[in-house]
Amino acid sequence: MLNRESKTGTIKKIDVKYLAAIGATIGVLAVSIPALSKTIGNNTKIGSFDSDKYTSYSQQVESMYGVDIDEKTEAIINSLNKRQELVEDYINATNNKEKKQIFDEIKNDSLADDALAVVKQSIAKEHGGSWEEYTISNTEPSYEPANWTIRKDGEKTIELDSKSSSLVQSVANLQSVYDTKNMDNYVDSYDRVIKSTVKYVGKTSDKAK
């Protein structure tokens, strides 16, 4: 479950059966997606930063979804542009050495923490307090996607809705890819967290329908 003490967003103690299920899912994905590059741009709402039209990636996302992104969340959304570029650089790498260098940067990135912070910021805006006071966890040992919850220190637990649970689950999936020897699988999960974060902000920010 999420590490309550550090609140960094690192998901700990993933159930072994859950890991097996994730591994099976990833295996299916690896078969069903012939090339990792096909995951890029698989949602027309999510694209690389267009610097000719926008001054920041958060402004582009606001325009795409017709929303106003909270100031705390803007910095994280802006960082996703660089992360998308890393994924594209990895896909376009011409040799294994270059690929490994880019992968190491991706593997050591704080995307998981930032994605969970986006969820906490959204919940804190609705329920009050600082987002750092919130802890996300799962109520079941098997880490079922529908059982993600969040709780502010000293207050009752809140069940996460489907939008929040979907993003948290994508982070759990990323952190469950322990076999980083298969770099493509890890980068694919990393890319999915980027896209899930953009979708989440597009659906939950002010003016979202």
N, C-alpha and C. Protein backbone atom coordinates (compact mmCIF):
# COMPACT_ATOMS: atom_id res chain seq x y z
N MET A 1 0.83 -1.19 0.00
CA MET A 1 0.00 0.00 0.00
C MET A 1 0.87 1.24 0.00
N LEU A 2 0.28 2.37 -0.12
CA LEU A 2 1.06 3.59 -0.16
C LEU A 2 1.76 3.80 1.17
N ASN A 3 2.98 4.24 1.10
CA ASN A 3 3.79 4.44 2.28
C ASN A 3 3.26 5.61 3.10
N ARG A 4 2.62 5.31 4.23
CA ARG A 4 1.96 6.33 5.04
C ARG A 4 2.96 7.30 5.67
N GLU A 5 4.13 6.77 6.06
CA GLU A 5 5.08 7.62 6.77
C GLU A 5 5.69 8.69 5.86
N SER A 6 6.17 8.27 4.70
CA SER A 6 6.87 9.23 3.86
C SER A 6 5.92 10.05 3.00
N LYS A 7 4.73 9.46 2.69
CA LYS A 7 3.75 10.12 1.84
C LYS A 7 4.36 10.52 0.49
N THR A 8 5.36 9.78 0.07
CA THR A 8 5.98 10.14 -1.21
C THR A 8 5.19 9.64 -2.40
N GLY A 9 4.26 8.74 -2.13
CA GLY A 9 3.49 8.18 -3.23
C GLY A 9 4.01 6.84 -3.68
N THR A 10 5.09 6.35 -3.04
CA THR A 10 5.62 5.06 -3.43
C THR A 10 4.69 3.96 -2.95
N ILE A 11 4.30 3.09 -3.83
CA ILE A 11 3.41 1.99 -3.47
C ILE A 11 4.25 0.82 -3.00
N LYS A 12 4.01 0.39 -1.78
CA LYS A 12 4.80 -0.66 -1.16
C LYS A 12 3.95 -1.92 -0.96
N LYS A 13 4.62 -3.04 -0.72
CA LYS A 13 3.97 -4.28 -0.32
C LYS A 13 2.87 -4.70 -1.28
N ILE A 14 3.14 -4.64 -2.57
CA ILE A 14 2.17 -5.09 -3.55
C ILE A 14 1.97 -6.60 -3.39
N ASP A 15 0.72 -7.05 -3.36
CA ASP A 15 0.39 -8.45 -3.19
C ASP A 15 0.98 -9.28 -4.32
N VAL A 16 1.53 -10.45 -3.98
CA VAL A 16 2.18 -11.30 -4.98
C VAL A 16 1.21 -11.70 -6.08
N LYS A 17 -0.05 -12.04 -5.72
CA LYS A 17 -1.04 -12.41 -6.72
C LYS A 17 -1.33 -11.23 -7.64
N TYR A 18 -1.31 -10.04 -7.06
CA TYR A 18 -1.54 -8.84 -7.87
C TYR A 18 -0.41 -8.66 -8.87
N LEU A 19 0.82 -8.90 -8.41
CA LEU A 19 1.96 -8.78 -9.31
C LEU A 19 1.83 -9.77 -10.46
N ALA A 20 1.37 -10.97 -10.15
CA ALA A 20 1.22 -11.98 -11.20
C ALA A 20 0.17 -11.53 -12.22
N ALA A 21 -0.92 -10.95 -11.70
CA ALA A 21 -1.97 -10.47 -12.59
C ALA A 21 -1.47 -9.34 -13.47
N ILE A 22 -0.69 -8.43 -12.86
CA ILE A 22 -0.13 -7.32 -13.63
C ILE A 22 0.82 -7.85 -14.69
N GLY A 23 1.64 -8.85 -14.30
CA GLY A 23 2.57 -9.43 -15.26
C GLY A 23 1.86 -10.03 -16.45
N ALA A 24 0.74 -10.71 -16.15
CA ALA A 24 -0.03 -11.31 -17.23
C ALA A 24 -0.61 -10.25 -18.14
N THR A 25 -1.10 -9.16 -17.52
CA THR A 25 -1.68 -8.07 -18.30
C THR A 25 -0.62 -7.44 -19.21
N ILE A 26 0.56 -7.23 -18.64
CA ILE A 26 1.64 -6.62 -19.42
C ILE A 26 2.02 -7.54 -20.57
N GLY A 27 2.01 -8.87 -20.30
CA GLY A 27 2.32 -9.82 -21.36
C GLY A 27 1.33 -9.71 -22.50
N VAL A 28 0.06 -9.54 -22.17
CA VAL A 28 -0.97 -9.38 -23.20
C VAL A 28 -0.73 -8.09 -23.97
N LEU A 29 -0.39 -7.03 -23.25
CA LEU A 29 -0.14 -5.76 -23.91
C LEU A 29 1.03 -5.87 -24.87
N ALA A 30 2.07 -6.57 -24.42
CA ALA A 30 3.26 -6.71 -25.26
C ALA A 30 2.92 -7.42 -26.56
N VAL A 31 1.98 -8.37 -26.49
CA VAL A 31 1.60 -9.10 -27.69
C VAL A 31 0.68 -8.26 -28.57
N SER A 32 -0.23 -7.52 -27.91
CA SER A 32 -1.24 -6.80 -28.67
C SER A 32 -0.74 -5.49 -29.24
N ILE A 33 0.40 -4.99 -28.76
CA ILE A 33 0.95 -3.74 -29.27
C ILE A 33 2.27 -4.04 -29.97
N PRO A 34 2.27 -4.20 -31.26
CA PRO A 34 3.48 -4.59 -31.99
C PRO A 34 4.64 -3.62 -31.80
N ALA A 35 4.36 -2.34 -31.69
CA ALA A 35 5.43 -1.35 -31.55
C ALA A 35 5.05 -0.36 -30.47
N LEU A 36 6.00 -0.07 -29.57
CA LEU A 36 5.73 0.85 -28.48
C LEU A 36 5.29 2.20 -29.00
N SER A 37 5.80 2.60 -30.15
CA SER A 37 5.47 3.92 -30.68
C SER A 37 3.99 4.09 -30.93
N LYS A 38 3.25 2.98 -31.06
CA LYS A 38 1.82 3.08 -31.32
C LYS A 38 1.06 3.60 -30.10
N THR A 39 1.70 3.55 -28.91
CA THR A 39 1.02 4.09 -27.73
C THR A 39 1.08 5.60 -27.70
N ILE A 40 2.02 6.18 -28.43
CA ILE A 40 2.14 7.63 -28.47
C ILE A 40 1.01 8.21 -29.30
N GLY A 41 0.33 9.18 -28.72
CA GLY A 41 -0.74 9.83 -29.44
C GLY A 41 -1.95 8.95 -29.65
N ASN A 42 -2.14 7.90 -28.79
CA ASN A 42 -3.28 7.02 -28.97
C ASN A 42 -4.58 7.66 -28.49
N ASN A 43 -4.49 8.86 -27.96
CA ASN A 43 -5.68 9.62 -27.61
C ASN A 43 -5.53 10.98 -28.27
N THR A 44 -6.49 11.36 -29.08
CA THR A 44 -6.37 12.59 -29.85
C THR A 44 -6.33 13.82 -28.97
N LYS A 45 -6.76 13.68 -27.72
CA LYS A 45 -6.74 14.82 -26.80
C LYS A 45 -5.35 15.05 -26.20
N ILE A 46 -4.47 14.07 -26.36
CA ILE A 46 -3.16 14.15 -25.71
C ILE A 46 -2.08 14.19 -26.78
N GLY A 47 -1.38 15.29 -26.84
CA GLY A 47 -0.34 15.42 -27.85
C GLY A 47 0.88 16.12 -27.29
N SER A 48 1.93 16.15 -28.07
CA SER A 48 3.14 16.85 -27.66
C SER A 48 2.89 18.35 -27.63
N PHE A 49 3.72 19.03 -26.90
CA PHE A 49 3.56 20.47 -26.71
C PHE A 49 3.72 21.23 -28.03
N ASP A 50 2.75 22.07 -28.33
CA ASP A 50 2.77 22.90 -29.53
C ASP A 50 3.21 24.30 -29.12
N SER A 51 4.50 24.56 -29.21
CA SER A 51 5.06 25.84 -28.75
C SER A 51 4.68 27.01 -29.65
N ASP A 52 4.19 26.71 -30.85
CA ASP A 52 3.77 27.78 -31.75
C ASP A 52 2.43 28.38 -31.32
N LYS A 53 1.62 27.60 -30.64
CA LYS A 53 0.28 28.06 -30.25
C LYS A 53 0.14 28.38 -28.77
N TYR A 54 0.99 27.75 -27.93
CA TYR A 54 0.81 27.89 -26.48
C TYR A 54 2.13 28.26 -25.81
N THR A 55 2.01 28.95 -24.68
CA THR A 55 3.21 29.34 -23.93
C THR A 55 3.64 28.26 -22.94
N SER A 56 2.75 27.31 -22.62
CA SER A 56 3.08 26.22 -21.71
C SER A 56 2.22 25.02 -22.04
N TYR A 57 2.66 23.85 -21.58
CA TYR A 57 1.88 22.64 -21.83
C TYR A 57 0.57 22.66 -21.05
N SER A 58 0.59 23.24 -19.85
CA SER A 58 -0.65 23.33 -19.06
C SER A 58 -1.68 24.19 -19.78
N GLN A 59 -1.22 25.25 -20.46
CA GLN A 59 -2.14 26.08 -21.22
C GLN A 59 -2.74 25.29 -22.38
N GLN A 60 -1.92 24.45 -23.00
CA GLN A 60 -2.40 23.61 -24.10
C GLN A 60 -3.46 22.63 -23.59
N VAL A 61 -3.22 22.01 -22.44
CA VAL A 61 -4.18 21.06 -21.87
C VAL A 61 -5.48 21.79 -21.51
N GLU A 62 -5.35 22.99 -20.95
CA GLU A 62 -6.55 23.78 -20.63
C GLU A 62 -7.38 24.03 -21.89
N SER A 63 -6.70 24.36 -22.98
CA SER A 63 -7.40 24.62 -24.23
C SER A 63 -8.04 23.36 -24.79
N MET A 64 -7.32 22.24 -24.73
CA MET A 64 -7.83 20.98 -25.26
C MET A 64 -9.10 20.53 -24.56
N TYR A 65 -9.12 20.70 -23.24
CA TYR A 65 -10.25 20.21 -22.46
C TYR A 65 -11.24 21.30 -22.05
N GLY A 66 -10.90 22.56 -22.29
CA GLY A 66 -11.78 23.65 -21.90
C GLY A 66 -11.90 23.79 -20.40
N VAL A 67 -10.77 23.71 -19.70
CA VAL A 67 -10.77 23.77 -18.23
C VAL A 67 -9.79 24.82 -17.73
N ASP A 68 -9.88 25.09 -16.43
CA ASP A 68 -8.90 25.92 -15.74
C ASP A 68 -8.15 25.02 -14.76
N ILE A 69 -6.85 24.86 -14.95
CA ILE A 69 -6.06 23.99 -14.09
C ILE A 69 -5.58 24.77 -12.88
N ASP A 70 -5.71 24.13 -11.71
CA ASP A 70 -5.27 24.74 -10.47
C ASP A 70 -3.78 25.07 -10.54
N GLU A 71 -3.40 26.17 -9.93
CA GLU A 71 -2.00 26.63 -10.00
C GLU A 71 -1.03 25.57 -9.49
N LYS A 72 -1.39 24.85 -8.41
CA LYS A 72 -0.49 23.83 -7.86
C LYS A 72 -0.26 22.71 -8.86
N THR A 73 -1.28 22.44 -9.66
CA THR A 73 -1.20 21.32 -10.60
C THR A 73 -0.50 21.72 -11.89
N GLU A 74 -0.49 23.00 -12.22
CA GLU A 74 0.11 23.46 -13.48
C GLU A 74 1.56 23.03 -13.64
N ALA A 75 2.33 23.14 -12.55
CA ALA A 75 3.76 22.80 -12.63
C ALA A 75 3.96 21.33 -13.00
N ILE A 76 3.12 20.47 -12.45
CA ILE A 76 3.22 19.04 -12.76
C ILE A 76 2.83 18.79 -14.21
N ILE A 77 1.75 19.41 -14.66
CA ILE A 77 1.33 19.24 -16.05
C ILE A 77 2.41 19.74 -17.00
N ASN A 78 3.02 20.86 -16.68
CA ASN A 78 4.09 21.37 -17.54
C ASN A 78 5.26 20.39 -17.61
N SER A 79 5.53 19.67 -16.52
CA SER A 79 6.64 18.71 -16.52
C SER A 79 6.35 17.50 -17.41
N LEU A 80 5.08 17.25 -17.71
CA LEU A 80 4.73 16.09 -18.52
C LEU A 80 5.23 16.24 -19.96
N ASN A 81 5.39 17.47 -20.42
CA ASN A 81 5.91 17.68 -21.77
C ASN A 81 7.30 17.10 -21.91
N LYS A 82 8.17 17.38 -20.95
CA LYS A 82 9.53 16.84 -20.96
C LYS A 82 9.50 15.31 -20.88
N ARG A 83 8.56 14.80 -20.11
CA ARG A 83 8.46 13.35 -19.95
C ARG A 83 7.97 12.69 -21.24
N GLN A 84 7.08 13.34 -21.93
CA GLN A 84 6.66 12.82 -23.24
C GLN A 84 7.84 12.80 -24.21
N GLU A 85 8.66 13.82 -24.15
CA GLU A 85 9.84 13.88 -25.01
C GLU A 85 10.80 12.74 -24.71
N LEU A 86 10.92 12.38 -23.42
CA LEU A 86 11.79 11.26 -23.04
C LEU A 86 11.29 9.96 -23.68
N VAL A 87 9.98 9.75 -23.63
CA VAL A 87 9.40 8.55 -24.22
C VAL A 87 9.67 8.53 -25.72
N GLU A 88 9.47 9.64 -26.37
CA GLU A 88 9.69 9.72 -27.82
C GLU A 88 11.17 9.51 -28.16
N ASP A 89 12.06 10.09 -27.31
CA ASP A 89 13.49 9.90 -27.53
C ASP A 89 13.87 8.42 -27.37
N TYR A 90 13.25 7.76 -26.41
CA TYR A 90 13.51 6.34 -26.18
C TYR A 90 13.09 5.53 -27.41
N ILE A 91 11.91 5.82 -27.92
CA ILE A 91 11.40 5.10 -29.09
C ILE A 91 12.28 5.32 -30.31
N ASN A 92 12.79 6.54 -30.44
CA ASN A 92 13.57 6.90 -31.63
C ASN A 92 15.07 6.66 -31.48
N ALA A 93 15.48 6.12 -30.33
CA ALA A 93 16.92 5.87 -30.10
C ALA A 93 17.45 4.90 -31.16
N THR A 94 18.64 5.17 -31.64
CA THR A 94 19.20 4.39 -32.75
C THR A 94 20.08 3.22 -32.31
N ASN A 95 20.44 3.17 -31.02
CA ASN A 95 21.26 2.06 -30.55
C ASN A 95 20.93 1.76 -29.09
N ASN A 96 21.35 0.60 -28.62
CA ASN A 96 21.01 0.14 -27.28
C ASN A 96 21.61 1.01 -26.18
N LYS A 97 22.81 1.54 -26.41
CA LYS A 97 23.44 2.38 -25.40
C LYS A 97 22.62 3.66 -25.17
N GLU A 98 22.22 4.28 -26.26
CA GLU A 98 21.40 5.49 -26.16
C GLU A 98 20.06 5.17 -25.50
N LYS A 99 19.47 4.05 -25.88
CA LYS A 99 18.19 3.63 -25.31
C LYS A 99 18.31 3.44 -23.80
N LYS A 100 19.38 2.77 -23.38
CA LYS A 100 19.59 2.50 -21.95
C LYS A 100 19.78 3.80 -21.17
N GLN A 101 20.48 4.76 -21.72
CA GLN A 101 20.68 6.05 -21.05
C GLN A 101 19.36 6.76 -20.82
N ILE A 102 18.51 6.77 -21.83
CA ILE A 102 17.20 7.42 -21.72
C ILE A 102 16.33 6.64 -20.74
N PHE A 103 16.40 5.31 -20.80
CA PHE A 103 15.61 4.49 -19.89
C PHE A 103 15.98 4.77 -18.43
N ASP A 104 17.27 4.90 -18.15
CA ASP A 104 17.70 5.16 -16.78
C ASP A 104 17.11 6.47 -16.26
N GLU A 105 17.01 7.46 -17.13
CA GLU A 105 16.40 8.72 -16.73
C GLU A 105 14.91 8.54 -16.44
N ILE A 106 14.25 7.76 -17.27
CA ILE A 106 12.83 7.47 -17.06
C ILE A 106 12.62 6.69 -15.77
N LYS A 107 13.44 5.67 -15.55
CA LYS A 107 13.30 4.80 -14.38
C LYS A 107 13.49 5.57 -13.08
N ASN A 108 14.35 6.58 -13.08
CA ASN A 108 14.64 7.35 -11.87
C ASN A 108 13.77 8.60 -11.72
N ASP A 109 12.83 8.76 -12.61
CA ASP A 109 11.97 9.94 -12.60
C ASP A 109 10.92 9.85 -11.49
N SER A 110 10.39 10.99 -11.07
CA SER A 110 9.40 11.06 -9.99
C SER A 110 7.98 11.15 -10.51
N LEU A 111 7.73 10.63 -11.72
CA LEU A 111 6.39 10.72 -12.32
C LEU A 111 5.32 10.12 -11.41
N ALA A 112 5.59 8.97 -10.81
CA ALA A 112 4.58 8.32 -9.95
C ALA A 112 4.17 9.24 -8.80
N ASP A 113 5.16 9.83 -8.14
CA ASP A 113 4.86 10.75 -7.04
C ASP A 113 4.03 11.94 -7.52
N ASP A 114 4.40 12.48 -8.67
CA ASP A 114 3.70 13.66 -9.18
C ASP A 114 2.27 13.32 -9.59
N ALA A 115 2.06 12.16 -10.18
CA ALA A 115 0.71 11.76 -10.58
C ALA A 115 -0.19 11.61 -9.36
N LEU A 116 0.34 11.01 -8.29
CA LEU A 116 -0.45 10.86 -7.07
C LEU A 116 -0.69 12.21 -6.40
N ALA A 117 0.26 13.11 -6.53
CA ALA A 117 0.08 14.47 -5.98
C ALA A 117 -1.07 15.18 -6.67
N VAL A 118 -1.24 14.94 -7.97
CA VAL A 118 -2.34 15.55 -8.71
C VAL A 118 -3.68 15.10 -8.13
N VAL A 119 -3.79 13.81 -7.82
CA VAL A 119 -5.03 13.29 -7.21
C VAL A 119 -5.25 13.94 -5.85
N LYS A 120 -4.20 13.99 -5.04
CA LYS A 120 -4.32 14.57 -3.70
C LYS A 120 -4.69 16.05 -3.76
N GLN A 121 -4.13 16.76 -4.72
CA GLN A 121 -4.45 18.18 -4.87
C GLN A 121 -5.92 18.38 -5.22
N SER A 122 -6.44 17.52 -6.08
CA SER A 122 -7.83 17.61 -6.47
C SER A 122 -8.75 17.32 -5.28
N ILE A 123 -8.42 16.29 -4.51
CA ILE A 123 -9.23 15.93 -3.34
C ILE A 123 -9.15 17.02 -2.28
N ALA A 124 -7.95 17.56 -2.06
CA ALA A 124 -7.78 18.61 -1.05
C ALA A 124 -8.57 19.86 -1.41
N LYS A 125 -8.65 20.14 -2.70
CA LYS A 125 -9.41 21.31 -3.13
C LYS A 125 -10.89 21.15 -2.80
N GLU A 126 -11.36 19.91 -2.86
CA GLU A 126 -12.77 19.64 -2.59
C GLU A 126 -13.06 19.49 -1.09
N HIS A 127 -12.14 18.86 -0.36
CA HIS A 127 -12.41 18.52 1.04
C HIS A 127 -11.62 19.36 2.04
N GLY A 128 -10.71 20.21 1.54
CA GLY A 128 -9.99 21.11 2.43
C GLY A 128 -8.65 20.57 2.90
N GLY A 129 -7.86 21.48 3.44
CA GLY A 129 -6.54 21.12 3.95
C GLY A 129 -5.48 21.12 2.87
N SER A 130 -4.26 20.79 3.28
CA SER A 130 -3.14 20.71 2.34
C SER A 130 -3.08 19.33 1.74
N TRP A 131 -2.73 19.23 0.47
CA TRP A 131 -2.69 17.92 -0.19
C TRP A 131 -1.66 17.00 0.45
N GLU A 132 -0.63 17.58 1.08
CA GLU A 132 0.39 16.75 1.72
C GLU A 132 -0.15 15.98 2.92
N GLU A 133 -1.32 16.40 3.44
CA GLU A 133 -1.92 15.73 4.59
C GLU A 133 -2.67 14.46 4.22
N TYR A 134 -2.82 14.20 2.92
CA TYR A 134 -3.63 13.08 2.46
C TYR A 134 -2.77 11.85 2.14
N THR A 135 -3.32 10.69 2.45
CA THR A 135 -2.66 9.42 2.18
C THR A 135 -3.58 8.53 1.36
N ILE A 136 -3.07 7.98 0.28
CA ILE A 136 -3.84 7.08 -0.58
C ILE A 136 -3.45 5.64 -0.24
N SER A 137 -4.44 4.76 -0.15
CA SER A 137 -4.17 3.36 0.12
C SER A 137 -5.25 2.51 -0.53
N ASN A 138 -5.09 1.19 -0.41
CA ASN A 138 -6.07 0.26 -0.96
C ASN A 138 -6.64 -0.58 0.16
N THR A 139 -7.94 -0.80 0.15
CA THR A 139 -8.59 -1.49 1.27
C THR A 139 -8.50 -3.00 1.18
N GLU A 140 -7.99 -3.53 0.06
CA GLU A 140 -7.93 -4.97 -0.13
C GLU A 140 -6.49 -5.43 -0.40
N PRO A 141 -6.09 -6.57 0.18
CA PRO A 141 -4.73 -7.10 -0.07
C PRO A 141 -4.45 -7.34 -1.54
N SER A 142 -5.51 -7.62 -2.31
CA SER A 142 -5.32 -7.93 -3.73
C SER A 142 -5.21 -6.68 -4.59
N TYR A 143 -5.33 -5.51 -3.96
CA TYR A 143 -5.19 -4.23 -4.67
C TYR A 143 -6.14 -4.12 -5.85
N GLU A 144 -7.42 -4.44 -5.60
CA GLU A 144 -8.42 -4.29 -6.66
C GLU A 144 -8.55 -2.82 -7.04
N PRO A 145 -8.64 -2.50 -8.33
CA PRO A 145 -8.71 -1.10 -8.78
C PRO A 145 -9.83 -0.29 -8.14
N ALA A 146 -10.94 -0.97 -7.80
CA ALA A 146 -12.11 -0.24 -7.27
C ALA A 146 -11.98 0.09 -5.79
N ASN A 147 -10.90 -0.35 -5.14
CA ASN A 147 -10.80 -0.20 -3.69
C ASN A 147 -9.76 0.82 -3.22
N TRP A 148 -9.40 1.75 -4.08
CA TRP A 148 -8.47 2.80 -3.67
C TRP A 148 -9.21 3.84 -2.83
N THR A 149 -8.59 4.25 -1.74
CA THR A 149 -9.19 5.24 -0.84
C THR A 149 -8.17 6.32 -0.53
N ILE A 150 -8.66 7.41 0.06
CA ILE A 150 -7.78 8.51 0.47
C ILE A 150 -8.26 9.02 1.81
N ARG A 151 -7.33 9.44 2.64
CA ARG A 151 -7.71 9.93 3.96
C ARG A 151 -6.80 11.07 4.39
N LYS A 152 -7.43 12.11 4.90
CA LYS A 152 -6.68 13.21 5.48
C LYS A 152 -6.33 12.84 6.91
N ASP A 153 -5.15 13.24 7.37
CA ASP A 153 -4.71 12.91 8.72
C ASP A 153 -5.80 13.23 9.74
N GLY A 154 -6.16 12.22 10.55
CA GLY A 154 -7.11 12.42 11.62
C GLY A 154 -8.56 12.45 11.21
N GLU A 155 -8.85 12.20 9.93
CA GLU A 155 -10.23 12.26 9.46
C GLU A 155 -10.64 10.95 8.79
N LYS A 156 -11.91 10.84 8.45
CA LYS A 156 -12.42 9.59 7.91
C LYS A 156 -11.91 9.33 6.49
N THR A 157 -11.94 8.07 6.14
CA THR A 157 -11.49 7.64 4.81
C THR A 157 -12.54 7.96 3.75
N ILE A 158 -12.07 8.39 2.59
CA ILE A 158 -12.94 8.71 1.46
C ILE A 158 -12.63 7.71 0.34
N GLU A 159 -13.66 7.12 -0.23
CA GLU A 159 -13.47 6.24 -1.38
C GLU A 159 -13.18 7.09 -2.61
N LEU A 160 -12.16 6.72 -3.35
CA LEU A 160 -11.83 7.45 -4.58
C LEU A 160 -12.83 7.11 -5.67
N ASP A 161 -13.23 8.11 -6.45
CA ASP A 161 -14.15 7.84 -7.55
C ASP A 161 -13.39 7.16 -8.70
N SER A 162 -14.12 6.81 -9.73
CA SER A 162 -13.52 6.05 -10.83
C SER A 162 -12.40 6.82 -11.54
N LYS A 163 -12.55 8.15 -11.65
CA LYS A 163 -11.51 8.95 -12.33
C LYS A 163 -10.21 8.87 -11.54
N SER A 164 -10.30 9.12 -10.22
CA SER A 164 -9.10 9.10 -9.37
C SER A 164 -8.51 7.70 -9.29
N SER A 165 -9.38 6.69 -9.13
CA SER A 165 -8.90 5.31 -9.01
C SER A 165 -8.17 4.87 -10.27
N SER A 166 -8.63 5.33 -11.43
CA SER A 166 -8.00 4.95 -12.69
C SER A 166 -6.57 5.46 -12.77
N LEU A 167 -6.35 6.71 -12.34
CA LEU A 167 -5.00 7.26 -12.36
C LEU A 167 -4.12 6.56 -11.33
N VAL A 168 -4.64 6.36 -10.12
CA VAL A 168 -3.87 5.69 -9.08
C VAL A 168 -3.50 4.28 -9.53
N GLN A 169 -4.43 3.58 -10.17
CA GLN A 169 -4.15 2.23 -10.64
C GLN A 169 -3.05 2.23 -11.70
N SER A 170 -3.02 3.23 -12.55
CA SER A 170 -1.97 3.28 -13.57
C SER A 170 -0.60 3.47 -12.91
N VAL A 171 -0.57 4.21 -11.79
CA VAL A 171 0.68 4.37 -11.03
C VAL A 171 1.07 3.04 -10.40
N ALA A 172 0.08 2.35 -9.82
CA ALA A 172 0.36 1.03 -9.23
C ALA A 172 0.91 0.07 -10.28
N ASN A 173 0.34 0.11 -11.47
CA ASN A 173 0.82 -0.74 -12.55
C ASN A 173 2.28 -0.44 -12.90
N LEU A 174 2.60 0.86 -12.98
CA LEU A 174 3.98 1.26 -13.29
C LEU A 174 4.93 0.75 -12.22
N GLN A 175 4.57 0.93 -10.97
CA GLN A 175 5.47 0.54 -9.88
C GLN A 175 5.53 -0.96 -9.68
N SER A 176 4.67 -1.69 -10.38
CA SER A 176 4.68 -3.15 -10.29
C SER A 176 5.54 -3.78 -11.38
N VAL A 177 6.04 -2.98 -12.30
CA VAL A 177 6.90 -3.51 -13.36
C VAL A 177 8.33 -3.55 -12.82
N TYR A 178 8.60 -4.55 -12.00
CA TYR A 178 9.91 -4.64 -11.36
C TYR A 178 10.98 -5.17 -12.32
N ASP A 179 10.56 -5.88 -13.34
CA ASP A 179 11.51 -6.44 -14.29
C ASP A 179 11.91 -5.38 -15.31
N THR A 180 12.80 -4.49 -14.87
CA THR A 180 13.20 -3.38 -15.74
C THR A 180 14.17 -3.83 -16.84
N LYS A 181 14.48 -5.13 -16.87
CA LYS A 181 15.28 -5.62 -17.99
C LYS A 181 14.47 -5.53 -19.28
N ASN A 182 13.15 -5.65 -19.14
CA ASN A 182 12.28 -5.45 -20.29
C ASN A 182 11.91 -3.97 -20.31
N MET A 183 12.77 -3.18 -20.87
CA MET A 183 12.62 -1.73 -20.80
C MET A 183 11.36 -1.24 -21.50
N ASP A 184 11.00 -1.89 -22.60
CA ASP A 184 9.83 -1.46 -23.35
C ASP A 184 8.56 -1.50 -22.50
N ASN A 185 8.39 -2.56 -21.71
CA ASN A 185 7.21 -2.67 -20.86
C ASN A 185 7.15 -1.53 -19.85
N TYR A 186 8.31 -1.21 -19.26
CA TYR A 186 8.34 -0.15 -18.26
C TYR A 186 8.02 1.20 -18.90
N VAL A 187 8.61 1.48 -20.04
CA VAL A 187 8.37 2.75 -20.72
C VAL A 187 6.92 2.85 -21.17
N ASP A 188 6.35 1.73 -21.58
CA ASP A 188 4.95 1.73 -21.97
C ASP A 188 4.07 2.11 -20.78
N SER A 189 4.34 1.54 -19.60
CA SER A 189 3.57 1.87 -18.40
C SER A 189 3.79 3.32 -17.98
N TYR A 190 5.02 3.78 -18.12
CA TYR A 190 5.36 5.18 -17.82
C TYR A 190 4.56 6.13 -18.71
N ASP A 191 4.50 5.78 -20.00
CA ASP A 191 3.76 6.59 -20.96
C ASP A 191 2.27 6.62 -20.61
N ARG A 192 1.75 5.49 -20.14
CA ARG A 192 0.34 5.42 -19.77
C ARG A 192 0.03 6.31 -18.57
N VAL A 193 0.96 6.42 -17.64
CA VAL A 193 0.76 7.31 -16.48
C VAL A 193 0.72 8.76 -16.95
N ILE A 194 1.58 9.12 -17.87
CA ILE A 194 1.56 10.48 -18.42
C ILE A 194 0.19 10.78 -19.00
N LYS A 195 -0.29 9.90 -19.86
CA LYS A 195 -1.58 10.11 -20.51
C LYS A 195 -2.73 10.09 -19.51
N SER A 196 -2.65 9.20 -18.52
CA SER A 196 -3.70 9.13 -17.51
C SER A 196 -3.76 10.41 -16.67
N THR A 197 -2.59 10.99 -16.42
CA THR A 197 -2.54 12.23 -15.63
C THR A 197 -3.18 13.37 -16.40
N VAL A 198 -2.88 13.47 -17.69
CA VAL A 198 -3.48 14.52 -18.52
C VAL A 198 -4.99 14.34 -18.58
N LYS A 199 -5.45 13.11 -18.80
CA LYS A 199 -6.88 12.83 -18.86
C LYS A 199 -7.57 13.20 -17.55
N TYR A 200 -6.93 12.83 -16.44
CA TYR A 200 -7.51 13.10 -15.12
C TYR A 200 -7.70 14.59 -14.90
N VAL A 201 -6.67 15.36 -15.20
CA VAL A 201 -6.74 16.81 -15.01
C VAL A 201 -7.80 17.39 -15.95
N GLY A 202 -7.89 16.86 -17.16
CA GLY A 202 -8.89 17.33 -18.10
C GLY A 202 -10.31 17.07 -17.64
N LYS A 203 -10.50 16.00 -16.86
CA LYS A 203 -11.84 15.64 -16.40
C LYS A 203 -12.21 16.23 -15.04
N THR A 204 -11.22 16.66 -14.28
CA THR A 204 -11.51 17.09 -12.89
C THR A 204 -11.24 18.56 -12.61
N SER A 205 -10.59 19.27 -13.51
CA SER A 205 -10.29 20.68 -13.28
C SER A 205 -11.57 21.53 -13.39
N ASP A 206 -11.49 22.77 -12.94
CA ASP A 206 -12.63 23.69 -13.01
C ASP A 206 -13.15 23.78 -14.45
N LYS A 207 -14.44 23.78 -14.59
CA LYS A 207 -15.18 23.87 -15.87
C LYS A 207 -15.30 22.54 -16.58
N ALA A 208 -14.66 21.47 -16.02
CA ALA A 208 -14.76 20.16 -16.66
C ALA A 208 -16.19 19.67 -16.60
N LYS A 209 -16.65 19.06 -17.69
CA LYS A 209 -18.01 18.55 -17.75
C LYS A 209 -18.01 17.03 -17.54
